[in-house]
Amino acid sequence: MALVQGSPGKYIPPSLRNRLQRHTPEVDSVPLQNLVSLKFENHQRSFSSFLEQVNEGLNFCPPEPCEEGVNGTYFIKSKNGSIIAVFKPNDEEGDAVNNPKHHESPSPAAFGSLRKGIKPGEAAHREIAAYLLDNEHFFGVPETTLVTIEHPSFFNAKNPSTSSKTKFGSIQRFVPNNGASWDVAPKTFPVKELHKIGILDIMILNSDRHGGNILYKGSKEEGYTLIPIDHSYSLPHSMEHAWFDWFYWDQAKQPFDQQTLSFIANYNVALKVKMLQDLAISADSIKIFKICVSLLQIMAANGYTLFDIASVVCRKDLRKPSTLELICTDIEKEIKDIEMKENHEGGLDYQEKEALFMEIFKSRINKLDPKSI
């Protein structure tokens, strides 16, 4: 079996589906479809060779289920049997009926409450979003795109005996590595390497960053590089679930260097927002992204460390809102008061509210009292 062409139906945003229908290549020798590159054309060439390897490998080696994590995940191998990619079907996420780990769990109902900020079926687009937000290659997110794959070994709860099952999801290039960061002491890694992971996590409000999805490669002599993977639970609809296991690493308390500060200050939010909109990421998730990038840019420029910024974002007590949540809630109330006082008929529209929100938010963060962190 191999990667197949064709629209995966409701999982492809209309903007992508229309482009797909206009530009489906007539290629018989390599029946694969890189769905995202049709919208983001500058990525098309870089993925073509990779997907040819994936397509070839699937004719020799079946997808291998990954035992780690809570979502259905498969290792894709080359024709020689080496792992070259990781595929995550969006119908095997969380408490979706086709998640094999959901069926194996002694308490399947718990899966639905693991990450309330992300709905089942949305994770694949979060994976590709993390990669597209890293088009400067600062964070080091491995190449990721969206594909459909057909193979009989995939899990299907309703029709387990079906000879061939087609799945839509994200596929990420497998990066050779030494292992997961939690296998060694955190002090092993350079400050800048931790900072790049932390900046990404703040921007996308990652709710699932732990040592198992920060890979590392290199050596003591050559230096170590950190590789961020698994971004399914990012760009959430709400703020309460953000947490990063690097929070207490000593590197998080070190100041940003000038190159990192320049990257943060010059990060093109408008361009990234357009990318997220093209991926059909919801408006509420995009608003949170804009809030988090603004928070990061202002606090970094004012001399705060990654630890300080994470302290504003994360809950110190899971039962109580974070500083960021409190600030945002207070601003929303202030905007409602403004609407009532100025007697806006029908209230402000969405864009007006968002513009006013960001204006007030930036002012609040610039005046943030260090004692409140």
Protein backbone atom coordinates (compact mmCIF):
# COMPACT_ATOMS: atom_id res chain seq x y z
CA MET A 1 0.00 0.00 0.00
CA ALA A 2 1.06 3.61 -0.35
CA LEU A 3 0.23 7.21 0.19
CA VAL A 4 -2.86 8.01 -1.83
CA GLN A 5 -4.31 11.04 -3.52
CA GLY A 6 -7.79 12.37 -2.94
CA SER A 7 -9.55 14.69 -0.61
CA PRO A 8 -9.85 13.49 3.00
CA GLY A 9 -13.21 15.24 3.18
CA LYS A 10 -14.06 17.29 6.23
CA TYR A 11 -10.53 17.28 7.60
CA ILE A 12 -9.18 19.51 4.82
CA PRO A 13 -9.97 23.23 5.28
CA PRO A 14 -11.95 24.71 2.35
CA SER A 15 -9.01 26.93 1.35
CA LEU A 16 -6.79 23.87 0.99
CA ARG A 17 -9.47 21.68 -0.60
CA ASN A 18 -10.18 24.20 -3.36
CA ARG A 19 -6.48 24.52 -4.13
CA LEU A 20 -6.14 20.74 -4.09
CA GLN A 21 -8.91 20.31 -6.64
CA ARG A 22 -7.29 22.83 -8.98
CA HIS A 23 -3.73 21.54 -8.69
CA THR A 24 -3.83 17.76 -8.18
CA PRO A 25 -0.76 16.55 -10.12
CA GLU A 26 -1.22 13.82 -12.70
CA VAL A 27 1.64 11.56 -11.59
CA ASP A 28 1.24 7.80 -11.85
CA SER A 29 4.68 6.68 -10.67
CA VAL A 30 4.44 8.32 -7.25
CA PRO A 31 0.79 8.24 -6.07
CA LEU A 32 1.22 10.54 -3.09
CA GLN A 33 -0.22 13.87 -2.10
CA ASN A 34 1.46 16.52 0.03
CA LEU A 35 -1.69 18.38 0.95
CA VAL A 36 -0.12 21.36 2.68
CA SER A 37 2.46 22.24 0.04
CA LEU A 38 -0.36 23.09 -2.35
CA LYS A 39 -1.18 26.04 -0.12
CA PHE A 40 2.37 26.81 1.08
CA GLU A 41 4.13 26.30 -2.25
CA ASN A 42 7.61 27.14 -0.97
CA HIS A 43 7.59 23.82 0.93
CA GLN A 44 6.60 21.65 -2.03
CA ARG A 45 10.06 20.77 -3.34
CA SER A 46 11.52 20.02 0.09
CA PHE A 47 8.82 17.43 0.76
CA SER A 48 8.66 15.68 -2.60
CA SER A 49 11.80 13.56 -2.12
CA PHE A 50 10.87 12.76 1.50
CA LEU A 51 7.37 11.59 0.57
CA GLU A 52 8.73 9.47 -2.26
CA GLN A 53 10.83 7.63 0.34
CA VAL A 54 7.75 7.23 2.55
CA ASN A 55 5.68 5.95 -0.35
CA GLU A 56 8.38 3.44 -1.30
CA GLY A 57 8.85 2.28 2.30
CA LEU A 58 5.15 1.56 2.80
CA ASN A 59 5.36 -1.02 0.00
CA PHE A 60 7.98 -2.94 1.99
CA CYS A 61 7.26 -2.28 5.68
CA PRO A 62 3.87 -1.79 7.39
CA PRO A 63 3.36 1.22 9.67
CA GLU A 64 4.59 0.28 13.16
CA PRO A 65 2.39 1.42 16.10
CA CYS A 66 4.18 3.52 18.70
CA GLU A 67 3.42 2.46 22.27
CA GLU A 68 4.21 5.86 23.83
CA GLY A 69 1.73 8.70 24.21
CA VAL A 70 -2.08 8.72 24.38
CA ASN A 71 -2.84 9.15 20.67
CA GLY A 72 -2.54 6.63 17.87
CA THR A 73 0.90 7.10 16.30
CA TYR A 74 2.83 5.09 13.71
CA PHE A 75 6.49 4.85 12.74
CA ILE A 76 6.95 4.77 8.96
CA LYS A 77 10.01 2.90 7.72
CA SER A 78 12.12 2.98 4.58
CA LYS A 79 12.37 -0.04 2.33
CA ASN A 80 15.48 -0.98 4.35
CA GLY A 81 13.56 -1.01 7.63
CA SER A 82 14.91 2.19 9.21
CA ILE A 83 12.46 4.71 10.68
CA ILE A 84 12.09 7.77 8.46
CA ALA A 85 8.81 9.36 9.57
CA VAL A 86 6.14 9.55 12.26
CA PHE A 87 2.48 9.52 11.17
CA LYS A 88 -0.37 10.67 13.43
CA PRO A 89 -3.88 9.99 12.07
CA ASN A 90 -6.43 12.52 13.21
CA ASP A 91 -9.12 9.85 13.75
CA GLU A 92 -6.91 8.26 16.44
CA GLU A 93 -6.60 11.32 18.66
CA GLY A 94 -7.71 11.50 22.29
CA ASP A 95 -11.04 9.79 22.89
CA ALA A 96 -11.79 9.30 19.18
CA VAL A 97 -13.38 5.92 18.51
CA ASN A 98 -10.42 4.74 16.40
CA ASN A 99 -7.74 5.50 19.01
CA PRO A 100 -6.36 2.00 19.81
CA LYS A 101 -4.88 3.27 23.09
CA HIS A 102 -8.28 4.56 24.10
CA HIS A 103 -9.66 1.04 23.71
CA GLU A 104 -6.75 -0.52 25.59
CA SER A 105 -6.95 1.90 28.52
CA PRO A 106 -8.56 0.60 31.73
CA SER A 107 -10.33 3.95 31.98
CA PRO A 108 -11.07 5.20 28.43
CA ALA A 109 -13.28 8.02 29.69
CA ALA A 110 -10.21 9.71 31.15
CA PHE A 111 -8.81 10.40 27.68
CA GLY A 112 -11.40 13.06 26.95
CA SER A 113 -10.33 15.18 29.90
CA LEU A 114 -6.58 14.96 29.37
CA ARG A 115 -6.23 18.10 27.27
CA LYS A 116 -9.43 20.17 27.34
CA GLY A 117 -7.80 22.93 25.32
CA ILE A 118 -7.74 20.78 22.15
CA LYS A 119 -10.65 18.92 20.57
CA PRO A 120 -10.27 15.43 19.03
CA GLY A 121 -9.40 15.75 15.35
CA GLU A 122 -7.53 19.05 15.73
CA ALA A 123 -4.08 17.74 16.64
CA ALA A 124 -2.85 17.08 13.08
CA HIS A 125 -3.24 20.72 12.18
CA ARG A 126 -1.38 21.72 15.37
CA GLU A 127 1.56 19.56 14.30
CA ILE A 128 1.88 21.23 10.90
CA ALA A 129 1.23 24.65 12.45
CA ALA A 130 4.24 24.30 14.77
CA TYR A 131 6.42 23.57 11.75
CA LEU A 132 5.06 26.43 9.64
CA LEU A 133 5.52 28.86 12.55
CA ASP A 134 9.20 27.86 12.45
CA ASN A 135 9.85 28.84 8.84
CA GLU A 136 13.02 30.64 10.03
CA HIS A 137 14.22 27.26 11.42
CA PHE A 138 15.01 28.87 14.77
CA PHE A 139 13.21 26.28 16.91
CA GLY A 140 14.27 23.22 14.93
CA VAL A 141 10.83 21.63 14.49
CA PRO A 142 11.27 18.67 12.09
CA GLU A 143 9.65 18.90 8.66
CA THR A 144 5.94 18.23 8.93
CA THR A 145 3.02 18.13 6.50
CA LEU A 146 -0.46 16.65 6.03
CA VAL A 147 -1.08 13.49 4.01
CA THR A 148 -3.47 10.62 3.45
CA ILE A 149 -2.12 7.09 3.83
CA GLU A 150 -3.84 3.83 2.91
CA HIS A 151 -2.78 0.59 4.61
CA PRO A 152 -4.54 -2.53 5.99
CA SER A 153 -2.62 -2.44 9.29
CA PHE A 154 -4.31 0.73 10.54
CA PHE A 155 -6.78 0.45 13.43
CA ASN A 156 -10.48 0.79 12.63
CA ALA A 157 -12.87 0.06 15.49
CA LYS A 158 -16.01 -0.14 13.32
CA ASN A 159 -14.57 -2.26 10.51
CA PRO A 160 -11.50 -4.08 11.88
CA SER A 161 -11.56 -6.64 9.06
CA THR A 162 -11.54 -4.06 6.26
CA SER A 163 -8.72 -4.94 3.87
CA SER A 164 -7.60 -1.36 3.32
CA LYS A 165 -7.99 1.66 5.59
CA THR A 166 -7.30 5.26 4.59
CA LYS A 167 -6.13 7.75 7.22
CA PHE A 168 -5.59 11.49 7.12
CA GLY A 169 -3.10 13.11 9.47
CA SER A 170 0.25 14.74 10.03
CA ILE A 171 3.53 13.18 9.00
CA GLN A 172 6.86 14.35 10.39
CA ARG A 173 10.36 13.54 9.27
CA PHE A 174 12.11 11.35 11.85
CA VAL A 175 15.29 13.01 13.10
CA PRO A 176 18.07 10.63 14.24
CA ASN A 177 18.88 11.43 17.87
CA ASN A 178 20.62 10.25 21.04
CA GLY A 179 17.38 9.93 22.98
CA ALA A 180 14.94 11.97 25.08
CA SER A 181 16.17 14.86 27.22
CA TRP A 182 14.74 13.34 30.40
CA ASP A 183 17.27 10.52 30.07
CA VAL A 184 20.11 12.87 31.03
CA ALA A 185 20.66 15.73 33.47
CA PRO A 186 19.12 19.02 32.24
CA LYS A 187 22.40 20.86 32.91
CA THR A 188 23.86 18.93 29.96
CA PHE A 189 22.19 21.22 27.45
CA PRO A 190 23.23 24.73 26.31
CA VAL A 191 21.21 27.68 27.56
CA LYS A 192 20.31 28.82 24.05
CA GLU A 193 18.99 25.37 23.13
CA LEU A 194 16.58 25.40 26.06
CA HIS A 195 15.59 28.98 25.29
CA LYS A 196 14.54 28.11 21.72
CA ILE A 197 12.27 25.33 23.03
CA GLY A 198 10.81 27.60 25.70
CA ILE A 199 10.10 30.44 23.29
CA LEU A 200 8.20 28.10 20.99
CA ASP A 201 6.20 26.66 23.90
CA ILE A 202 5.23 30.11 25.15
CA MET A 203 4.14 31.24 21.69
CA ILE A 204 1.95 28.20 21.00
CA LEU A 205 0.97 27.76 24.67
CA ASN A 206 2.04 24.12 24.67
CA SER A 207 0.22 22.00 27.25
CA ASP A 208 2.27 18.85 26.76
CA ARG A 209 5.96 19.74 26.92
CA HIS A 210 7.98 17.18 28.82
CA GLY A 211 11.39 15.55 28.61
CA GLY A 212 10.06 12.79 26.39
CA ASN A 213 9.23 15.13 23.52
CA ILE A 214 12.45 17.12 23.68
CA LEU A 215 14.96 14.96 21.84
CA TYR A 216 18.67 15.65 21.81
CA LYS A 217 21.59 14.85 19.54
CA GLY A 218 25.32 15.56 19.59
CA SER A 219 28.05 14.98 22.12
CA LYS A 220 29.85 16.75 24.94
CA GLU A 221 32.73 17.52 22.60
CA GLU A 222 30.64 18.73 19.65
CA GLY A 223 27.84 20.27 21.68
CA TYR A 224 24.19 19.26 22.00
CA THR A 225 21.15 20.26 19.98
CA LEU A 226 17.58 19.96 21.26
CA ILE A 227 14.77 18.86 18.91
CA PRO A 228 11.14 19.74 19.78
CA ILE A 229 8.51 17.20 18.68
CA ASP A 230 4.86 16.39 19.53
CA HIS A 231 2.92 19.64 19.25
CA SER A 232 -0.56 18.12 19.09
CA TYR A 233 -1.62 19.86 22.29
CA SER A 234 -0.71 23.43 21.40
CA LEU A 235 -2.58 26.48 20.07
CA PRO A 236 -5.44 25.68 22.48
CA HIS A 237 -8.89 27.20 22.78
CA SER A 238 -8.28 28.14 26.42
CA MET A 239 -5.29 29.01 28.61
CA GLU A 240 -5.62 26.86 31.71
CA HIS A 241 -3.60 23.82 30.62
CA ALA A 242 -0.21 25.36 29.77
CA TRP A 243 2.72 23.61 31.42
CA PHE A 244 6.38 23.08 30.54
CA ASP A 245 8.67 20.59 32.26
CA TRP A 246 11.68 22.84 31.52
CA PHE A 247 10.12 25.41 33.86
CA TYR A 248 12.59 24.60 36.65
CA TRP A 249 15.66 24.01 34.51
CA ASP A 250 18.44 26.41 35.52
CA GLN A 251 18.81 27.54 31.89
CA ALA A 252 15.31 29.07 32.02
CA LYS A 253 16.53 31.57 34.60
CA GLN A 254 19.44 32.75 32.45
CA PRO A 255 19.04 35.94 30.35
CA PHE A 256 18.38 35.76 26.63
CA ASP A 257 21.37 36.50 24.41
CA GLN A 258 21.21 39.32 21.85
CA GLN A 259 20.54 37.02 18.90
CA THR A 260 17.58 35.46 20.68
CA LEU A 261 16.24 38.85 21.75
CA SER A 262 16.47 40.05 18.15
CA PHE A 263 14.58 36.97 16.92
CA ILE A 264 11.79 37.53 19.47
CA ALA A 265 11.50 41.26 18.70
CA ASN A 266 11.37 40.74 14.93
CA TYR A 267 9.01 37.75 14.91
CA ASN A 268 6.44 38.53 12.22
CA VAL A 269 3.14 37.90 13.98
CA ALA A 270 0.96 39.07 11.09
CA LEU A 271 2.60 36.58 8.72
CA LYS A 272 2.20 33.74 11.20
CA VAL A 273 -1.44 34.59 11.83
CA LYS A 274 -2.09 34.37 8.07
CA MET A 275 -0.49 30.89 8.05
CA LEU A 276 -2.69 29.77 10.95
CA GLN A 277 -5.80 31.12 9.23
CA ASP A 278 -4.92 29.21 6.06
CA LEU A 279 -4.74 26.06 8.17
CA ALA A 280 -8.24 26.81 9.52
CA ILE A 281 -6.97 27.22 13.09
CA SER A 282 -9.88 28.74 15.05
CA ALA A 283 -10.11 32.45 15.84
CA ASP A 284 -9.95 31.89 19.60
CA SER A 285 -6.74 29.85 19.28
CA ILE A 286 -5.20 32.50 17.04
CA LYS A 287 -6.12 35.20 19.55
CA ILE A 288 -4.33 33.27 22.31
CA PHE A 289 -1.31 32.90 20.01
CA LYS A 290 -1.21 36.67 19.46
CA ILE A 291 -1.53 37.29 23.19
CA CYS A 292 1.32 34.91 24.00
CA VAL A 293 3.66 36.31 21.35
CA SER A 294 2.94 39.85 22.54
CA LEU A 295 3.59 38.80 26.15
CA LEU A 296 6.88 37.21 25.15
CA GLN A 297 8.04 40.18 23.08
CA ILE A 298 7.27 42.76 25.76
CA MET A 299 8.64 40.83 28.73
CA ALA A 300 11.81 39.78 26.88
CA ALA A 301 12.43 43.40 25.81
CA ASN A 302 11.96 44.49 29.44
CA GLY A 303 14.67 42.14 30.67
CA TYR A 304 12.59 39.27 32.02
CA THR A 305 13.85 35.70 31.74
CA LEU A 306 12.12 32.68 30.22
CA PHE A 307 11.36 31.50 33.77
CA ASP A 308 9.67 34.85 34.55
CA ILE A 309 7.54 34.66 31.42
CA ALA A 310 6.55 31.05 32.07
CA SER A 311 5.61 32.07 35.62
CA VAL A 312 3.03 34.46 34.17
CA VAL A 313 1.69 31.85 31.74
CA CYS A 314 1.51 28.74 33.94
CA ARG A 315 -0.71 28.08 36.93
CA LYS A 316 1.16 27.73 40.20
CA ASP A 317 -1.92 26.05 41.64
CA LEU A 318 -3.94 24.02 39.13
CA ARG A 319 -7.14 25.13 40.84
CA LYS A 320 -6.36 28.85 40.45
CA PRO A 321 -6.00 30.96 37.27
CA SER A 322 -2.54 31.99 36.11
CA THR A 323 -1.42 35.61 36.11
CA LEU A 324 -2.03 35.68 32.35
CA GLU A 325 -5.56 34.31 32.75
CA LEU A 326 -6.35 36.91 35.40
CA ILE A 327 -5.05 39.76 33.25
CA CYS A 328 -7.07 38.61 30.24
CA THR A 329 -10.25 38.13 32.26
CA ASP A 330 -9.87 41.60 33.75
CA ILE A 331 -9.39 43.16 30.31
CA GLU A 332 -12.51 41.42 28.97
CA LYS A 333 -14.50 42.94 31.85
CA GLU A 334 -12.99 46.36 31.15
CA ILE A 335 -14.03 46.16 27.50
CA LYS A 336 -17.60 45.24 28.50
CA ASP A 337 -17.67 48.28 30.80
CA ILE A 338 -16.43 50.49 27.95
CA GLU A 339 -19.19 49.20 25.68
CA MET A 340 -21.83 49.95 28.32
CA LYS A 341 -20.50 53.43 29.15
CA GLU A 342 -20.20 54.47 25.51
CA ASN A 343 -23.56 52.89 24.75
CA HIS A 344 -22.37 50.98 21.67
CA GLU A 345 -25.46 49.73 19.88
CA GLY A 346 -24.96 46.02 19.47
CA GLY A 347 -21.51 46.31 21.01
CA LEU A 348 -18.12 46.40 19.31
CA ASP A 349 -17.52 43.95 16.48
CA TYR A 350 -14.96 41.17 16.84
CA GLN A 351 -12.09 43.04 15.19
CA GLU A 352 -12.72 46.19 17.23
CA LYS A 353 -12.80 44.19 20.45
CA GLU A 354 -9.61 42.35 19.58
CA ALA A 355 -7.77 45.55 18.66
CA LEU A 356 -8.87 47.20 21.90
CA PHE A 357 -7.98 44.08 23.88
CA MET A 358 -4.44 43.96 22.47
CA GLU A 359 -3.94 47.68 23.09
CA ILE A 360 -4.91 47.34 26.75
CA PHE A 361 -3.00 44.06 27.10
CA LYS A 362 0.27 45.52 25.85
CA SER A 363 -0.09 48.45 28.24
CA ARG A 364 -0.74 46.10 31.18
CA ILE A 365 2.27 43.89 30.41
CA ASN A 366 4.57 46.88 30.00
CA LYS A 367 3.53 48.01 33.49
CA LEU A 368 3.69 44.51 35.00
CA ASP A 369 4.82 44.51 38.61
CA PRO A 370 7.65 41.98 39.10
CA LYS A 371 6.15 41.12 42.49
CA SER A 372 2.99 39.87 40.79
CA ILE A 373 4.89 37.21 38.85
